């Protein structure tokens, strides 16, 4: 990943802000930090927690360290993720009593599965108002932006927008996995049909298909360790192909779609946010619905305002994740607070012993944790809904497991 960043991202995409300021001193600091926290993960016993830890390292931490010693030499964003990792290690070792919510397993009870499936299918019905606007050219990705604009007009006052995330990121992917596990292939097909229609109605490729593709991809691999190796292998292949493409054709298509956008745009924006708010007043959550700490406008698009400030382009939306969101809100206390909230959430998932076949659900939210403010993450992206849904419908707390990632 480092080679790809230094030899492809910087020379090809440098005009977007990816500069070569490689610092040998920062490099050694970064390597020591990486070795230390990678080593800590070796001692984690839980299948699920160990896999989450490694995905945090690969997706959130390593790219930030690479950006630190290659471009910014600003340690603040790295410190933010060091705090997250430390808090995560502490939280997962603490006892966590769970609420006595009702449990209706959709894995072991066909009746519960059918009730949830057909009940959820009714949530697709409101989108039928958009049927006359469906454009099958979206399957070729040709008219998706026009579809998105049309969907915004149809979906007012917004109820369809709030239904979309629970449906496409939680309910339908979960039902797909259950259907695959129980070999109910008719329902597997219906899940694909529902998701395809939602995409045709909305045009949001990443928002709708990301969760679905993730559960299919991470359904592969018979153990948590194999799922991790599968993901690492994919990254290595993409980095190798990106370097090869640039060396042979002097183009950056693969590096843009697979490496730059996913791994290095977030560190770029986070570095800018940390630098800005380290010298300016914090927002005290006035940029979100959590504006009770301080009076102010709660409906400001802070990411768009900051995008305009950083680039001069009013159309640039500078999205960042929940950890730097804590810093810009109330400083390092916010980083610790958001780290605690994030860690407790995954502690809950671990306690209810969710099956390894569902790991794609959680991978998606590790991804979103790097691209959304905490309010958006929990409400608009439906992470709070995922917590409730998993606890009630995918709870395997009484199922025995072995405490090794190699199981």
Protein backbone atom coordinates (compact mmCIF):
# COMPACT_ATOMS: atom_id res chain seq x y z
CA UNK A 1 0.00 0.00 0.00
CA UNK A 2 2.91 2.32 0.78
CA UNK A 3 4.55 1.55 -2.56
CA UNK A 4 1.28 2.22 -4.35
CA UNK A 5 0.87 5.54 -2.57
CA UNK A 6 4.43 6.73 -3.20
CA UNK A 7 4.76 5.46 -6.77
CA UNK A 8 1.26 5.94 -8.16
CA UNK A 9 -1.01 8.11 -6.03
CA UNK A 10 1.49 10.92 -5.45
CA UNK A 11 2.88 11.23 -9.01
CA UNK A 12 -0.46 10.75 -10.78
CA UNK A 13 -2.86 12.43 -8.34
CA UNK A 14 -0.50 14.95 -6.77
CA UNK A 15 -2.44 17.89 -8.21
CA UNK A 16 -5.33 16.92 -5.90
CA UNK A 17 -3.21 17.46 -2.82
CA UNK A 18 -1.22 14.23 -2.50
CA UNK A 19 2.29 15.64 -2.16
CA UNK A 20 5.60 13.86 -1.66
CA UNK A 21 6.94 15.18 1.63
CA UNK A 22 8.47 11.90 2.72
CA UNK A 23 10.20 12.32 6.06
CA UNK A 24 12.60 9.65 7.29
CA UNK A 25 12.11 10.58 10.96
CA UNK A 26 8.31 10.36 10.59
CA UNK A 27 8.73 7.08 8.73
CA UNK A 28 10.54 5.43 11.64
CA UNK A 29 7.95 6.75 14.11
CA UNK A 30 5.17 5.40 11.91
CA UNK A 31 6.78 1.98 11.55
CA UNK A 32 7.27 1.66 15.33
CA UNK A 33 3.61 2.58 15.91
CA UNK A 34 2.42 0.12 13.26
CA UNK A 35 4.52 -2.75 14.64
CA UNK A 36 3.36 -2.06 18.20
CA UNK A 37 -0.39 -2.01 17.47
CA UNK A 38 -0.21 -4.86 14.98
CA UNK A 39 1.52 -6.90 17.66
CA UNK A 40 -1.17 -6.09 20.21
CA UNK A 41 -3.79 -7.60 17.90
CA UNK A 42 -2.04 -10.98 17.94
CA UNK A 43 -3.13 -11.56 21.53
CA UNK A 44 -6.84 -10.99 20.86
CA UNK A 45 -8.68 -14.26 21.36
CA UNK A 46 -12.17 -13.60 20.04
CA UNK A 47 -12.74 -14.50 16.40
CA UNK A 48 -14.98 -11.54 15.75
CA UNK A 49 -13.08 -8.91 17.77
CA UNK A 50 -9.71 -9.94 16.34
CA UNK A 51 -11.06 -9.62 12.80
CA UNK A 52 -12.60 -6.22 13.52
CA UNK A 53 -9.29 -5.08 15.03
CA UNK A 54 -7.37 -6.06 11.91
CA UNK A 55 -9.89 -4.36 9.63
CA UNK A 56 -9.56 -1.17 11.67
CA UNK A 57 -5.80 -1.41 11.23
CA UNK A 58 -5.96 -2.08 7.50
CA UNK A 59 -8.71 0.31 6.56
CA UNK A 60 -8.39 3.17 9.07
CA UNK A 61 -4.96 3.07 10.71
CA UNK A 62 -2.36 1.99 8.14
CA UNK A 63 -3.42 4.50 5.44
CA UNK A 64 -3.35 7.31 8.01
CA UNK A 65 0.20 6.36 9.06
CA UNK A 66 1.31 6.14 5.41
CA UNK A 67 -0.14 9.58 4.73
CA UNK A 68 1.59 10.90 7.86
CA UNK A 69 5.15 9.94 6.96
CA UNK A 70 4.75 10.40 3.19
CA UNK A 71 2.86 13.68 2.93
CA UNK A 72 1.64 15.55 6.00
CA UNK A 73 4.11 14.88 8.86
CA UNK A 74 1.15 15.82 11.06
CA UNK A 75 0.85 13.27 13.87
CA UNK A 76 -2.53 14.47 15.21
CA UNK A 77 -4.74 12.25 12.98
CA UNK A 78 -2.57 9.24 13.83
CA UNK A 79 -2.96 10.01 17.54
CA UNK A 80 -6.73 10.05 17.02
CA UNK A 81 -6.66 6.45 15.80
CA UNK A 82 -4.16 5.43 18.48
CA UNK A 83 -6.75 6.58 21.02
CA UNK A 84 -9.43 4.56 19.20
CA UNK A 85 -7.28 1.41 19.28
CA UNK A 86 -6.43 1.81 22.97
CA UNK A 87 -10.05 2.46 23.93
CA UNK A 88 -11.13 -0.52 21.80
CA UNK A 89 -8.69 -2.82 23.63
CA UNK A 90 -9.95 -1.62 27.02
CA UNK A 91 -13.66 -1.83 26.19
CA UNK A 92 -13.58 -5.35 24.77
CA UNK A 93 -12.04 -6.66 28.00
CA UNK A 94 -14.70 -5.11 30.24
CA UNK A 95 -17.93 -6.91 31.17
CA UNK A 96 -20.92 -5.45 29.37
CA UNK A 97 -24.43 -6.27 30.61
CA UNK A 98 -26.96 -6.32 27.80
CA UNK A 99 -30.54 -5.11 27.81
CA UNK A 100 -33.21 -7.76 28.07
CA UNK A 101 -34.66 -7.14 24.63
CA UNK A 102 -36.86 -9.78 22.99
CA UNK A 103 -35.09 -12.20 20.65
CA UNK A 104 -36.63 -13.70 17.52
CA UNK A 105 -34.00 -15.72 15.70
CA UNK A 106 -34.47 -15.73 11.93
CA UNK A 107 -31.75 -18.37 11.55
CA UNK A 108 -33.34 -21.16 13.57
CA UNK A 109 -37.03 -20.38 13.09
CA UNK A 110 -38.55 -20.55 9.62
CA UNK A 111 -41.66 -18.79 10.93
CA UNK A 112 -39.62 -15.83 12.19
CA UNK A 113 -37.69 -15.69 8.92
CA UNK A 114 -40.85 -15.58 6.83
CA UNK A 115 -42.46 -12.95 9.06
CA UNK A 116 -39.39 -10.70 8.86
CA UNK A 117 -38.89 -11.30 5.13
CA UNK A 118 -42.43 -10.60 4.00
CA UNK A 119 -42.85 -7.86 6.57
CA UNK A 120 -39.71 -6.20 5.25
CA UNK A 121 -40.83 -6.63 1.65
CA UNK A 122 -43.67 -4.21 2.39
CA UNK A 123 -41.03 -1.55 3.00
CA UNK A 124 -40.14 -1.83 -0.69
CA UNK A 125 -43.69 -0.93 -1.73
CA UNK A 126 -43.36 2.86 -1.18
CA UNK A 127 -40.69 2.87 -3.88
CA UNK A 128 -43.27 1.71 -6.41
CA UNK A 129 -44.26 5.36 -6.81
CA UNK A 130 -41.01 5.67 -8.69
CA UNK A 131 -41.68 2.73 -11.02
CA UNK A 132 -42.52 4.91 -14.02
CA UNK A 133 -39.15 6.65 -13.63
CA UNK A 134 -37.08 3.46 -13.54
CA UNK A 135 -34.30 3.56 -16.13
CA UNK A 136 -32.73 0.21 -16.93
CA UNK A 137 -29.72 2.03 -18.36
CA UNK A 138 -28.69 2.38 -14.72
CA UNK A 139 -27.63 -1.25 -14.88
CA UNK A 140 -24.93 0.00 -17.26
CA UNK A 141 -24.22 2.95 -14.91
CA UNK A 142 -25.11 5.43 -17.66
CA UNK A 143 -27.95 7.50 -16.15
CA UNK A 144 -27.46 7.10 -12.40
CA UNK A 145 -26.93 10.81 -11.68
CA UNK A 146 -30.19 11.75 -13.40
CA UNK A 147 -31.95 9.04 -11.39
CA UNK A 148 -30.56 10.39 -8.12
CA UNK A 149 -31.88 13.88 -8.88
CA UNK A 150 -35.31 12.51 -9.78
CA UNK A 151 -35.37 10.36 -6.63
CA UNK A 152 -34.75 13.41 -4.43
CA UNK A 153 -37.84 15.07 -5.86
CA UNK A 154 -40.02 11.97 -5.48
CA UNK A 155 -38.78 11.07 -1.99
CA UNK A 156 -39.74 14.34 -0.31
CA UNK A 157 -40.30 14.85 2.63
CA UNK A 158 -37.59 12.24 3.04
CA UNK A 159 -39.21 9.09 4.41
CA UNK A 160 -37.89 7.04 1.48
CA UNK A 161 -34.37 8.25 2.22
CA UNK A 162 -34.60 7.00 5.81
CA UNK A 163 -36.06 3.66 4.75
CA UNK A 164 -33.32 3.07 2.20
CA UNK A 165 -30.40 2.55 4.58
CA UNK A 166 -32.09 0.01 6.91
CA UNK A 167 -33.37 -1.88 3.87
CA UNK A 168 -30.28 -1.96 1.70
CA UNK A 169 -27.55 -2.07 4.37
CA UNK A 170 -29.10 -4.18 7.11
CA UNK A 171 -32.35 -6.02 6.44
CA UNK A 172 -31.93 -7.34 2.90
CA UNK A 173 -28.24 -8.28 3.31
CA UNK A 174 -29.07 -10.13 6.55
CA UNK A 175 -31.98 -11.96 4.96
CA UNK A 176 -29.77 -12.86 2.01
CA UNK A 177 -27.22 -14.52 4.32
CA UNK A 178 -29.94 -16.43 6.19
CA UNK A 179 -31.44 -17.58 2.90
CA UNK A 180 -28.01 -18.78 1.72
CA UNK A 181 -27.33 -20.56 5.01
CA UNK A 182 -30.69 -22.33 4.94
CA UNK A 183 -30.61 -22.88 1.15
CA UNK A 184 -33.82 -20.95 0.53
CA UNK A 185 -32.75 -19.96 -2.99
CA UNK A 186 -36.13 -18.53 -3.93
CA UNK A 187 -35.66 -15.90 -1.23
CA UNK A 188 -32.04 -15.38 -2.31
CA UNK A 189 -33.40 -14.43 -5.74
CA UNK A 190 -36.03 -12.13 -4.25
CA UNK A 191 -33.37 -10.32 -2.21
CA UNK A 192 -31.42 -9.64 -5.40
CA UNK A 193 -34.59 -8.43 -7.15
CA UNK A 194 -35.47 -6.05 -4.30
CA UNK A 195 -31.96 -4.60 -4.17
CA UNK A 196 -31.81 -4.21 -7.95
CA UNK A 197 -35.13 -2.35 -7.92
CA UNK A 198 -34.02 -0.06 -5.11
CA UNK A 199 -30.93 0.78 -7.16
CA UNK A 200 -33.01 1.43 -10.28
CA UNK A 201 -35.28 3.67 -8.22
CA UNK A 202 -32.50 5.56 -6.45
CA UNK A 203 -29.37 5.38 -8.57
CA UNK A 204 -27.06 5.34 -5.53
CA UNK A 205 -24.68 2.54 -6.47
CA UNK A 206 -22.41 2.66 -3.40
CA UNK A 207 -25.14 3.27 -0.84
CA UNK A 208 -27.34 0.40 -2.02
CA UNK A 209 -25.00 -2.22 -3.45
CA UNK A 210 -22.04 -1.80 -1.06
CA UNK A 211 -23.73 -3.66 1.78
CA UNK A 212 -25.08 -6.33 -0.53
CA UNK A 213 -21.77 -6.96 -2.28
CA UNK A 214 -19.96 -6.97 1.07
CA UNK A 215 -22.10 -9.73 2.58
CA UNK A 216 -21.69 -11.80 -0.58
CA UNK A 217 -17.91 -11.27 -0.62
CA UNK A 218 -17.44 -11.97 3.09
CA UNK A 219 -19.81 -14.93 2.95
CA UNK A 220 -16.80 -16.57 1.36
CA UNK A 221 -14.16 -17.92 3.71
CA UNK A 222 -15.06 -20.62 6.18
CA UNK A 223 -13.37 -18.87 9.12
CA UNK A 224 -12.81 -15.31 10.28
CA UNK A 225 -9.10 -15.69 9.54
CA UNK A 226 -9.79 -16.75 5.96
CA UNK A 227 -12.08 -13.76 5.46
CA UNK A 228 -9.28 -11.49 6.65
CA UNK A 229 -6.76 -13.15 4.34
CA UNK A 230 -9.23 -12.85 1.46
CA UNK A 231 -9.54 -9.11 2.03
CA UNK A 232 -5.78 -8.61 2.43
CA UNK A 233 -5.16 -10.57 -0.77
CA UNK A 234 -7.64 -8.39 -2.64
CA UNK A 235 -5.85 -5.22 -1.48
CA UNK A 236 -2.44 -6.61 -2.44
CA UNK A 237 -3.72 -7.56 -5.90
CA UNK A 238 -5.30 -4.14 -6.43
CA UNK A 239 -2.12 -2.36 -5.33
CA UNK A 240 0.00 -4.53 -7.61
CA UNK A 241 -2.34 -4.00 -10.58
CA UNK A 242 -2.45 -0.24 -9.89
CA UNK A 243 1.35 -0.02 -9.91
CA UNK A 244 1.53 -2.16 -13.05
CA UNK A 245 -1.09 -0.06 -14.84
CA UNK A 246 0.76 3.16 -14.04
CA UNK A 247 4.17 1.78 -15.03
CA UNK A 248 2.94 0.37 -18.36
CA UNK A 249 0.19 2.79 -19.45
CA UNK A 250 0.87 5.87 -17.26
CA UNK A 251 -2.80 5.87 -16.26
CA UNK A 252 -4.43 5.74 -12.84
CA UNK A 253 -7.87 4.19 -13.30
CA UNK A 254 -7.45 1.32 -10.83
CA UNK A 255 -5.53 3.41 -8.32
CA UNK A 256 -8.32 5.99 -8.39
CA UNK A 257 -11.27 3.65 -7.99
CA UNK A 258 -9.76 1.07 -5.67
CA UNK A 259 -6.94 2.67 -3.67
CA UNK A 260 -6.97 6.48 -3.70
CA UNK A 261 -10.68 7.02 -3.00
CA UNK A 262 -11.06 4.25 -0.45
CA UNK A 263 -7.81 4.45 1.50
CA UNK A 264 -6.18 7.85 1.00
CA UNK A 265 -8.87 10.47 0.45
CA UNK A 266 -10.06 10.08 4.08
CA UNK A 267 -6.55 10.69 5.55
CA UNK A 268 -6.16 13.70 3.26
CA UNK A 269 -9.36 15.33 4.55
CA UNK A 270 -8.77 14.27 8.15
CA UNK A 271 -5.35 15.91 8.14
CA UNK A 272 -6.93 19.15 6.92
CA UNK A 273 -9.66 19.00 9.58
CA UNK A 274 -7.24 18.31 12.43
CA UNK A 275 -4.96 21.14 11.29
CA UNK A 276 -7.85 23.59 10.96
CA UNK A 277 -9.64 22.83 14.23
CA UNK A 278 -6.38 22.60 16.15
CA UNK A 279 -6.12 26.36 15.51
CA UNK A 280 -9.82 27.34 15.52
CA UNK A 281 -12.78 26.96 17.87
CA UNK A 282 -14.51 23.60 18.09
CA UNK A 283 -18.07 23.25 16.77
CA UNK A 284 -19.58 21.76 19.98
CA UNK A 285 -21.83 19.64 17.74
CA UNK A 286 -23.58 22.63 16.17
CA UNK A 287 -22.94 20.91 12.82
CA UNK A 288 -25.25 18.04 13.79
CA UNK A 289 -28.51 17.23 15.49
CA UNK A 290 -26.44 16.88 18.68
CA UNK A 291 -26.33 20.66 19.01
CA UNK A 292 -27.49 20.75 22.63
CA UNK A 293 -23.96 21.55 23.88
CA UNK A 294 -24.03 25.00 22.36
CA UNK A 295 -26.61 27.13 20.60
CA UNK A 296 -26.13 27.50 16.89
CA UNK A 297 -27.30 26.26 13.54
CA UNK A 298 -27.64 22.51 13.53
CA UNK A 299 -28.45 22.09 9.85
CA UNK A 300 -25.16 23.37 8.43
CA UNK A 301 -23.39 21.13 5.97
CA UNK A 302 -20.02 21.36 7.65
CA UNK A 303 -18.40 18.94 5.21
CA UNK A 304 -19.44 21.13 2.28
CA UNK A 305 -18.36 24.31 4.04
CA UNK A 306 -14.96 22.83 4.82
CA UNK A 307 -14.65 21.46 1.29
CA UNK A 308 -15.17 24.95 -0.07
CA UNK A 309 -12.72 26.39 2.47
CA UNK A 310 -10.00 23.86 1.63
CA UNK A 311 -10.36 23.93 -2.16
CA UNK A 312 -12.40 26.98 -3.15
CA UNK A 313 -14.85 24.59 -4.83
CA UNK A 314 -18.35 24.90 -3.34
CA UNK A 315 -19.29 21.49 -4.75
CA UNK A 316 -16.57 19.59 -2.87
CA UNK A 317 -17.98 17.59 0.03
CA UNK A 318 -15.09 16.94 2.43
CA UNK A 319 -16.38 13.90 4.31
CA UNK A 320 -14.52 12.57 7.33
CA UNK A 321 -15.11 9.82 9.87
CA UNK A 322 -16.48 9.63 13.39
CA UNK A 323 -13.09 9.89 15.15
CA UNK A 324 -11.97 13.24 13.65
CA UNK A 325 -15.60 14.33 14.08
CA UNK A 326 -15.03 13.96 17.81
CA UNK A 327 -11.96 16.19 17.62
CA UNK A 328 -13.61 19.01 15.65
CA UNK A 329 -16.60 18.85 17.99
CA UNK A 330 -15.02 19.01 21.46
CA UNK A 331 -11.34 18.20 21.00
CA UNK A 332 -9.56 15.13 22.37
CA UNK A 333 -12.42 14.49 24.79
CA UNK A 334 -14.60 14.02 21.71
CA UNK A 335 -12.09 11.57 20.22
CA UNK A 336 -12.23 9.48 23.40
CA UNK A 337 -16.03 9.72 23.57
CA UNK A 338 -16.54 8.64 19.96
CA UNK A 339 -13.99 5.85 20.41
CA UNK A 340 -15.94 4.57 23.43
CA UNK A 341 -19.24 4.64 21.54
CA UNK A 342 -17.72 2.82 18.55
CA UNK A 343 -16.00 0.21 20.74
CA UNK A 344 -19.07 -0.50 22.87
CA UNK A 345 -21.10 -1.07 19.70
CA UNK A 346 -18.73 -3.79 18.50
CA UNK A 347 -18.53 -5.21 22.01
CA UNK A 348 -22.31 -5.70 21.77
CA UNK A 349 -21.95 -7.47 18.43
CA UNK A 350 -19.32 -9.73 19.96
CA UNK A 351 -21.47 -10.50 23.02
CA UNK A 352 -24.45 -11.60 20.95
CA UNK A 353 -22.08 -13.87 19.01
CA UNK A 354 -23.13 -13.00 15.47
CA UNK A 355 -22.24 -15.70 12.96
CA UNK A 356 -19.12 -15.26 10.83
CA UNK A 357 -21.23 -15.39 7.67
CA UNK A 358 -22.58 -11.91 8.48
CA UNK A 359 -19.22 -10.18 8.70
CA UNK A 360 -19.95 -8.16 5.55
CA UNK A 361 -22.55 -6.21 7.54
CA UNK A 362 -19.88 -4.98 9.94
CA UNK A 363 -17.26 -4.37 7.29
CA UNK A 364 -19.62 -1.87 5.65
CA UNK A 365 -19.90 0.10 8.88
CA UNK A 366 -16.15 0.11 9.46
CA UNK A 367 -16.05 1.70 6.02
CA UNK A 368 -18.76 4.24 6.86
CA UNK A 369 -17.04 5.05 10.17
CA UNK A 370 -14.34 6.64 8.03
CA UNK A 371 -16.67 8.73 5.87
CA UNK A 372 -19.44 10.11 8.09
CA UNK A 373 -20.04 12.29 11.15
CA UNK A 374 -21.25 10.30 14.13
CA UNK A 375 -24.88 11.48 13.87
CA UNK A 376 -25.02 10.54 10.18
CA UNK A 377 -23.29 7.25 10.95
CA UNK A 378 -25.82 6.17 13.57
CA UNK A 379 -29.03 7.57 12.07
CA UNK A 380 -28.76 8.18 8.31
CA UNK A 381 -26.46 5.21 7.69
CA UNK A 382 -28.60 3.10 10.07
CA UNK A 383 -25.85 1.83 12.38
CA UNK A 384 -28.23 2.20 15.34
CA UNK A 385 -30.77 0.14 13.41
CA UNK A 386 -28.09 -2.50 12.79
CA UNK A 387 -27.42 -2.74 16.54
CA UNK A 388 -31.09 -3.34 17.29
CA UNK A 389 -31.67 -5.69 14.36
CA UNK A 390 -28.65 -7.87 15.13
CA UNK A 391 -29.52 -8.04 18.83
CA UNK A 392 -33.10 -9.14 18.18
CA UNK A 393 -32.90 -11.28 15.03
CA UNK A 394 -29.31 -12.58 14.78
CA UNK A 395 -28.57 -13.18 18.44
CA UNK A 396 -26.62 -16.41 19.00
CA UNK A 397 -25.47 -15.68 22.54
CA UNK A 398 -26.15 -19.23 23.71
CA UNK A 399 -24.32 -20.80 20.78
CA UNK A 400 -20.90 -22.19 21.72
CA UNK A 401 -17.78 -20.78 20.04
CA UNK A 402 -14.07 -21.35 20.39
CA UNK A 403 -11.92 -18.38 21.33
CA UNK A 404 -9.37 -18.46 18.54
CA UNK A 405 -9.16 -16.62 15.27
CA UNK A 406 -7.97 -19.85 13.64
CA UNK A 407 -11.22 -21.65 14.34
